[in-house]
């Protein structure tokens, strides 16, 4: 599973950071999503939570590719 973020689409709601702070962060100046962990992707035990976060993103700025 590979997670990507469209920073141009992000509105800085921060739901991803609240749910998975070990994977997502926000840029200090803009509040735009920053991926903390890109390779090798989320741990298998975190995959369900990642899919949940992707669905919760109000801007649809997050994407998962398998």
PDB file of N, CA and C in Angstrom:
ATOM      1  N   UNK A   1       0.843  -1.170   0.000  1.00  0.00           N
ATOM      2  CA  UNK A   1       0.000   0.000   0.000  1.00  0.00           C
ATOM      3  C   UNK A   1       0.892   1.238   0.000  1.00  0.00           C
ATOM      4  N   UNK A   2       0.617   2.139  -0.927  1.00  0.00           N
ATOM      5  CA  UNK A   2       1.367   3.390  -1.007  1.00  0.00           C
ATOM      6  C   UNK A   2       0.397   4.553  -0.804  1.00  0.00           C
ATOM      7  N   UNK A   3       0.769   5.473   0.072  1.00  0.00           N
ATOM      8  CA  UNK A   3      -0.061   6.633   0.368  1.00  0.00           C
ATOM      9  C   UNK A   3       0.560   7.861  -0.276  1.00  0.00           C
ATOM     10  N   UNK A   4      -0.274   8.680  -0.896  1.00  0.00           N
ATOM     11  CA  UNK A   4       0.207   9.940  -1.457  1.00  0.00           C
ATOM     12  C   UNK A   4      -0.745  11.054  -1.054  1.00  0.00           C
ATOM     13  N   UNK A   5      -0.239  12.271  -1.096  1.00  0.00           N
ATOM     14  CA  UNK A   5      -1.031  13.435  -0.705  1.00  0.00           C
ATOM     15  C   UNK A   5      -0.919  14.515  -1.768  1.00  0.00           C
ATOM     16  N   UNK A   6      -2.051  15.075  -2.134  1.00  0.00           N
ATOM     17  CA  UNK A   6      -2.108  16.183  -3.081  1.00  0.00           C
ATOM     18  C   UNK A   6      -2.107  17.472  -2.266  1.00  0.00           C
ATOM     19  N   UNK A   7      -0.938  18.064  -2.114  1.00  0.00           N
ATOM     20  CA  UNK A   7      -0.815  19.258  -1.278  1.00  0.00           C
ATOM     21  C   UNK A   7      -1.586  20.441  -1.845  1.00  0.00           C
ATOM     22  N   UNK A   8      -1.781  20.488  -3.150  1.00  0.00           N
ATOM     23  CA  UNK A   8      -2.544  21.581  -3.753  1.00  0.00           C
ATOM     24  C   UNK A   8      -4.028  21.477  -3.410  1.00  0.00           C
ATOM     25  N   UNK A   9      -4.509  20.253  -3.178  1.00  0.00           N
ATOM     26  CA  UNK A   9      -5.924  20.052  -2.848  1.00  0.00           C
ATOM     27  C   UNK A   9      -6.192  20.173  -1.350  1.00  0.00           C
ATOM     28  N   UNK A  10      -5.183  19.978  -0.529  1.00  0.00           N
ATOM     29  CA  UNK A  10      -5.344  19.968   0.927  1.00  0.00           C
ATOM     30  C   UNK A  10      -5.856  21.315   1.432  1.00  0.00           C
ATOM     31  N   UNK A  11      -6.842  21.255   2.338  1.00  0.00           N
ATOM     32  CA  UNK A  11      -7.384  22.477   2.947  1.00  0.00           C
ATOM     33  C   UNK A  11      -6.928  22.653   4.395  1.00  0.00           C
ATOM     34  N   UNK A  12      -6.088  21.746   4.873  1.00  0.00           N
ATOM     35  CA  UNK A  12      -5.526  21.874   6.215  1.00  0.00           C
ATOM     36  C   UNK A  12      -6.478  21.536   7.340  1.00  0.00           C
ATOM     37  N   UNK A  13      -7.465  20.688   7.094  1.00  0.00           N
ATOM     38  CA  UNK A  13      -8.424  20.320   8.135  1.00  0.00           C
ATOM     39  C   UNK A  13      -7.744  19.571   9.280  1.00  0.00           C
ATOM     40  N   UNK A  14      -6.731  18.791   8.977  1.00  0.00           N
ATOM     41  CA  UNK A  14      -5.939  18.130  10.010  1.00  0.00           C
ATOM     42  C   UNK A  14      -6.502  16.827  10.549  1.00  0.00           C
ATOM     43  N   UNK A  15      -7.561  16.302   9.949  1.00  0.00           N
ATOM     44  CA  UNK A  15      -8.123  15.041  10.429  1.00  0.00           C
ATOM     45  C   UNK A  15      -7.114  13.905  10.325  1.00  0.00           C
ATOM     46  N   UNK A  16      -6.313  13.928   9.283  1.00  0.00           N
ATOM     47  CA  UNK A  16      -5.309  12.883   9.098  1.00  0.00           C
ATOM     48  C   UNK A  16      -4.265  12.924  10.223  1.00  0.00           C
ATOM     49  N   UNK A  17      -3.870  14.114  10.603  1.00  0.00           N
ATOM     50  CA  UNK A  17      -2.870  14.281  11.664  1.00  0.00           C
ATOM     51  C   UNK A  17      -3.433  13.843  13.010  1.00  0.00           C
ATOM     52  N   UNK A  18      -4.675  14.173  13.259  1.00  0.00           N
ATOM     53  CA  UNK A  18      -5.303  13.778  14.516  1.00  0.00           C
ATOM     54  C   UNK A  18      -5.427  12.261  14.633  1.00  0.00           C
ATOM     55  N   UNK A  19      -5.715  11.603  13.525  1.00  0.00           N
ATOM     56  CA  UNK A  19      -5.935  10.151  13.552  1.00  0.00           C
ATOM     57  C   UNK A  19      -4.644   9.354  13.490  1.00  0.00           C
ATOM     58  N   UNK A  20      -3.691   9.796  12.660  1.00  0.00           N
ATOM     59  CA  UNK A  20      -2.431   9.065  12.485  1.00  0.00           C
ATOM     60  C   UNK A  20      -1.232  10.011  12.485  1.00  0.00           C
ATOM     61  N   UNK A  21      -0.902  10.566  13.639  1.00  0.00           N
ATOM     62  CA  UNK A  21       0.217  11.523  13.696  1.00  0.00           C
ATOM     63  C   UNK A  21       1.568  10.911  13.353  1.00  0.00           C
ATOM     64  N   UNK A  22       1.690   9.602  13.452  1.00  0.00           N
ATOM     65  CA  UNK A  22       2.952   8.960  13.084  1.00  0.00           C
ATOM     66  C   UNK A  22       3.144   8.895  11.574  1.00  0.00           C
ATOM     67  N   UNK A  23       2.072   9.114  10.834  1.00  0.00           N
ATOM     68  CA  UNK A  23       2.140   9.039   9.375  1.00  0.00           C
ATOM     69  C   UNK A  23       1.966  10.392   8.692  1.00  0.00           C
ATOM     70  N   UNK A  24       1.174  11.282   9.311  1.00  0.00           N
ATOM     71  CA  UNK A  24       0.856  12.574   8.702  1.00  0.00           C
ATOM     72  C   UNK A  24       1.248  13.718   9.627  1.00  0.00           C
ATOM     73  N   UNK A  25       1.606  14.833   9.015  1.00  0.00           N
ATOM     74  CA  UNK A  25       1.901  16.056   9.746  1.00  0.00           C
ATOM     75  C   UNK A  25       1.364  17.202   8.902  1.00  0.00           C
ATOM     76  N   UNK A  26       1.441  18.406   9.455  1.00  0.00           N
ATOM     77  CA  UNK A  26       1.023  19.584   8.709  1.00  0.00           C
ATOM     78  C   UNK A  26       2.177  20.556   8.631  1.00  0.00           C
ATOM     79  N   UNK A  27       2.319  21.190   7.463  1.00  0.00           N
ATOM     80  CA  UNK A  27       3.360  22.188   7.255  1.00  0.00           C
ATOM     81  C   UNK A  27       3.118  23.335   8.228  1.00  0.00           C
ATOM     82  N   UNK A  28       4.155  23.782   8.903  1.00  0.00           N
ATOM     83  CA  UNK A  28       4.028  24.813   9.934  1.00  0.00           C
ATOM     84  C   UNK A  28       3.396  26.109   9.433  1.00  0.00           C
ATOM     85  N   UNK A  29       3.749  26.538   8.247  1.00  0.00           N
ATOM     86  CA  UNK A  29       3.272  27.827   7.745  1.00  0.00           C
ATOM     87  C   UNK A  29       1.891  27.767   7.111  1.00  0.00           C
ATOM     88  N   UNK A  30       1.601  26.671   6.435  1.00  0.00           N
ATOM     89  CA  UNK A  30       0.365  26.614   5.647  1.00  0.00           C
ATOM     90  C   UNK A  30      -0.688  25.659   6.186  1.00  0.00           C
ATOM     91  N   UNK A  31      -0.295  24.711   7.019  1.00  0.00           N
ATOM     92  CA  UNK A  31      -1.227  23.711   7.524  1.00  0.00           C
ATOM     93  C   UNK A  31      -1.494  22.586   6.542  1.00  0.00           C
ATOM     94  N   UNK A  32      -0.800  22.601   5.415  1.00  0.00           N
ATOM     95  CA  UNK A  32      -0.985  21.590   4.370  1.00  0.00           C
ATOM     96  C   UNK A  32      -0.354  20.267   4.827  1.00  0.00           C
ATOM     97  N   UNK A  33      -0.990  19.176   4.450  1.00  0.00           N
ATOM     98  CA  UNK A  33      -0.534  17.843   4.837  1.00  0.00           C
ATOM     99  C   UNK A  33       0.883  17.560   4.350  1.00  0.00           C
ATOM    100  N   UNK A  34       1.632  16.875   5.211  1.00  0.00           N
ATOM    101  CA  UNK A  34       2.977  16.406   4.897  1.00  0.00           C
ATOM    102  C   UNK A  34       3.018  14.934   5.298  1.00  0.00           C
ATOM    103  N   UNK A  35       3.476  14.083   4.399  1.00  0.00           N
ATOM    104  CA  UNK A  35       3.632  12.672   4.732  1.00  0.00           C
ATOM    105  C   UNK A  35       4.917  12.492   5.527  1.00  0.00           C
ATOM    106  N   UNK A  36       4.809  11.901   6.688  1.00  0.00           N
ATOM    107  CA  UNK A  36       5.990  11.645   7.509  1.00  0.00           C
ATOM    108  C   UNK A  36       6.643  10.330   7.099  1.00  0.00           C
ATOM    109  N   UNK A  37       5.852   9.432   6.551  1.00  0.00           N
ATOM    110  CA  UNK A  37       6.326   8.096   6.226  1.00  0.00           C
ATOM    111  C   UNK A  37       5.894   7.776   4.796  1.00  0.00           C
ATOM    112  N   UNK A  38       6.847   7.701   3.898  1.00  0.00           N
ATOM    113  CA  UNK A  38       6.495   7.415   2.508  1.00  0.00           C
ATOM    114  C   UNK A  38       6.910   6.008   2.090  1.00  0.00           C
ATOM    115  N   UNK A  39       8.028   5.548   2.546  1.00  0.00           N
ATOM    116  CA  UNK A  39       8.504   4.210   2.207  1.00  0.00           C
ATOM    117  C   UNK A  39       8.780   3.459   3.494  1.00  0.00           C
ATOM    118  N   UNK A  40       8.446   2.281   3.624  1.00  0.00           N
ATOM    119  CA  UNK A  40       7.828   1.378   2.668  1.00  0.00           C
ATOM    120  C   UNK A  40       6.308   1.471   2.665  1.00  0.00           C
ATOM    121  N   UNK A  41       5.741   2.474   3.290  1.00  0.00           N
ATOM    122  CA  UNK A  41       4.293   2.583   3.408  1.00  0.00           C
ATOM    123  C   UNK A  41       3.870   2.214   4.820  1.00  0.00           C
ATOM    124  N   UNK A  42       2.576   2.272   5.079  1.00  0.00           N
ATOM    125  CA  UNK A  42       2.112   1.982   6.434  1.00  0.00           C
ATOM    126  C   UNK A  42       2.306   0.511   6.803  1.00  0.00           C
ATOM    127  N   UNK A  43       2.467   0.287   8.091  1.00  0.00           N
ATOM    128  CA  UNK A  43       2.558  -1.086   8.591  1.00  0.00           C
ATOM    129  C   UNK A  43       1.222  -1.789   8.349  1.00  0.00           C
ATOM    130  N   UNK A  44       1.243  -3.085   8.149  1.00  0.00           N
ATOM    131  CA  UNK A  44       0.000  -3.810   7.887  1.00  0.00           C
ATOM    132  C   UNK A  44      -1.085  -3.557   8.940  1.00  0.00           C
ATOM    133  N   UNK A  45      -0.698  -3.411  10.191  1.00  0.00           N
ATOM    134  CA  UNK A  45      -1.694  -3.167  11.249  1.00  0.00           C
ATOM    135  C   UNK A  45      -2.291  -1.760  11.179  1.00  0.00           C
ATOM    136  N   UNK A  46      -1.676  -0.852  10.409  1.00  0.00           N
ATOM    137  CA  UNK A  46      -2.193   0.514  10.256  1.00  0.00           C
ATOM    138  C   UNK A  46      -3.007   0.713   8.982  1.00  0.00           C
ATOM    139  N   UNK A  47      -3.063  -0.293   8.126  1.00  0.00           N
ATOM    140  CA  UNK A  47      -3.722  -0.126   6.834  1.00  0.00           C
ATOM    141  C   UNK A  47      -5.195   0.246   6.966  1.00  0.00           C
ATOM    142  N   UNK A  48      -5.908  -0.364   7.887  1.00  0.00           N
ATOM    143  CA  UNK A  48      -7.324  -0.047   8.082  1.00  0.00           C
ATOM    144  C   UNK A  48      -7.494   1.415   8.491  1.00  0.00           C
ATOM    145  N   UNK A  49      -6.654   1.896   9.392  1.00  0.00           N
ATOM    146  CA  UNK A  49      -6.722   3.286   9.840  1.00  0.00           C
ATOM    147  C   UNK A  49      -6.388   4.251   8.708  1.00  0.00           C
ATOM    148  N   UNK A  50      -5.437   3.889   7.865  1.00  0.00           N
ATOM    149  CA  UNK A  50      -5.073   4.732   6.727  1.00  0.00           C
ATOM    150  C   UNK A  50      -6.252   4.859   5.765  1.00  0.00           C
ATOM    151  N   UNK A  51      -6.898   3.745   5.464  1.00  0.00           N
ATOM    152  CA  UNK A  51      -8.061   3.782   4.574  1.00  0.00           C
ATOM    153  C   UNK A  51      -9.175   4.641   5.165  1.00  0.00           C
ATOM    154  N   UNK A  52      -9.331   4.583   6.467  1.00  0.00           N
ATOM    155  CA  UNK A  52     -10.320   5.402   7.164  1.00  0.00           C
ATOM    156  C   UNK A  52      -9.989   6.892   7.014  1.00  0.00           C
ATOM    157  N   UNK A  53      -8.735   7.241   7.200  1.00  0.00           N
ATOM    158  CA  UNK A  53      -8.294   8.631   7.077  1.00  0.00           C
ATOM    159  C   UNK A  53      -8.511   9.145   5.653  1.00  0.00           C
ATOM    160  N   UNK A  54      -8.213   8.324   4.671  1.00  0.00           N
ATOM    161  CA  UNK A  54      -8.411   8.717   3.278  1.00  0.00           C
ATOM    162  C   UNK A  54      -9.887   9.045   3.035  1.00  0.00           C
ATOM    163  N   UNK A  55     -10.764   8.238   3.578  1.00  0.00           N
ATOM    164  CA  UNK A  55     -12.209   8.475   3.419  1.00  0.00           C
ATOM    165  C   UNK A  55     -12.670   9.720   4.173  1.00  0.00           C
ATOM    166  N   UNK A  56     -12.036  10.022   5.299  1.00  0.00           N
ATOM    167  CA  UNK A  56     -12.436  11.173   6.120  1.00  0.00           C
ATOM    168  C   UNK A  56     -11.954  12.513   5.573  1.00  0.00           C
ATOM    169  N   UNK A  57     -10.948  12.507   4.727  1.00  0.00           N
ATOM    170  CA  UNK A  57     -10.371  13.761   4.232  1.00  0.00           C
ATOM    171  C   UNK A  57     -11.430  14.565   3.475  1.00  0.00           C
ATOM    172  N   UNK A  58     -11.772  15.760   3.973  1.00  0.00           N
ATOM    173  CA  UNK A  58     -12.821  16.537   3.333  1.00  0.00           C
ATOM    174  C   UNK A  58     -12.432  17.070   1.951  1.00  0.00           C
ATOM    175  N   UNK A  59     -11.143  17.202   1.695  1.00  0.00           N
ATOM    176  CA  UNK A  59     -10.680  17.730   0.405  1.00  0.00           C
ATOM    177  C   UNK A  59     -10.328  16.612  -0.579  1.00  0.00           C
ATOM    178  N   UNK A  60     -10.404  15.370  -0.117  1.00  0.00           N
ATOM    179  CA  UNK A  60     -10.009  14.216  -0.939  1.00  0.00           C
ATOM    180  C   UNK A  60      -8.565  14.375  -1.441  1.00  0.00           C
ATOM    181  N   UNK A  61      -7.717  14.876  -0.543  1.00  0.00           N
ATOM    182  CA  UNK A  61      -6.320  15.138  -0.889  1.00  0.00           C
ATOM    183  C   UNK A  61      -5.420  13.919  -0.695  1.00  0.00           C
ATOM    184  N   UNK A  62      -5.948  12.867  -0.090  1.00  0.00           N
ATOM    185  CA  UNK A  62      -5.153  11.682   0.172  1.00  0.00           C
ATOM    186  C   UNK A  62      -5.573  10.551  -0.757  1.00  0.00           C
ATOM    187  N   UNK A  63      -4.585   9.730  -1.122  1.00  0.00           N
ATOM    188  CA  UNK A  63      -4.853   8.635  -2.041  1.00  0.00           C
ATOM    189  C   UNK A  63      -4.038   7.412  -1.627  1.00  0.00           C
ATOM    190  N   UNK A  64      -4.623   6.253  -1.840  1.00  0.00           N
ATOM    191  CA  UNK A  64      -3.943   4.996  -1.567  1.00  0.00           C
ATOM    192  C   UNK A  64      -3.886   4.203  -2.864  1.00  0.00           C
ATOM    193  N   UNK A  65      -2.700   3.716  -3.166  1.00  0.00           N
ATOM    194  CA  UNK A  65      -2.492   2.822  -4.302  1.00  0.00           C
ATOM    195  C   UNK A  65      -1.948   1.509  -3.750  1.00  0.00           C
ATOM    196  N   UNK A  66      -2.425   0.437  -4.282  1.00  0.00           N
ATOM    197  CA  UNK A  66      -1.960  -0.884  -3.808  1.00  0.00           C
ATOM    198  C   UNK A  66      -1.067  -1.524  -4.827  1.00  0.00           C
TER     199      UNK A  66
END
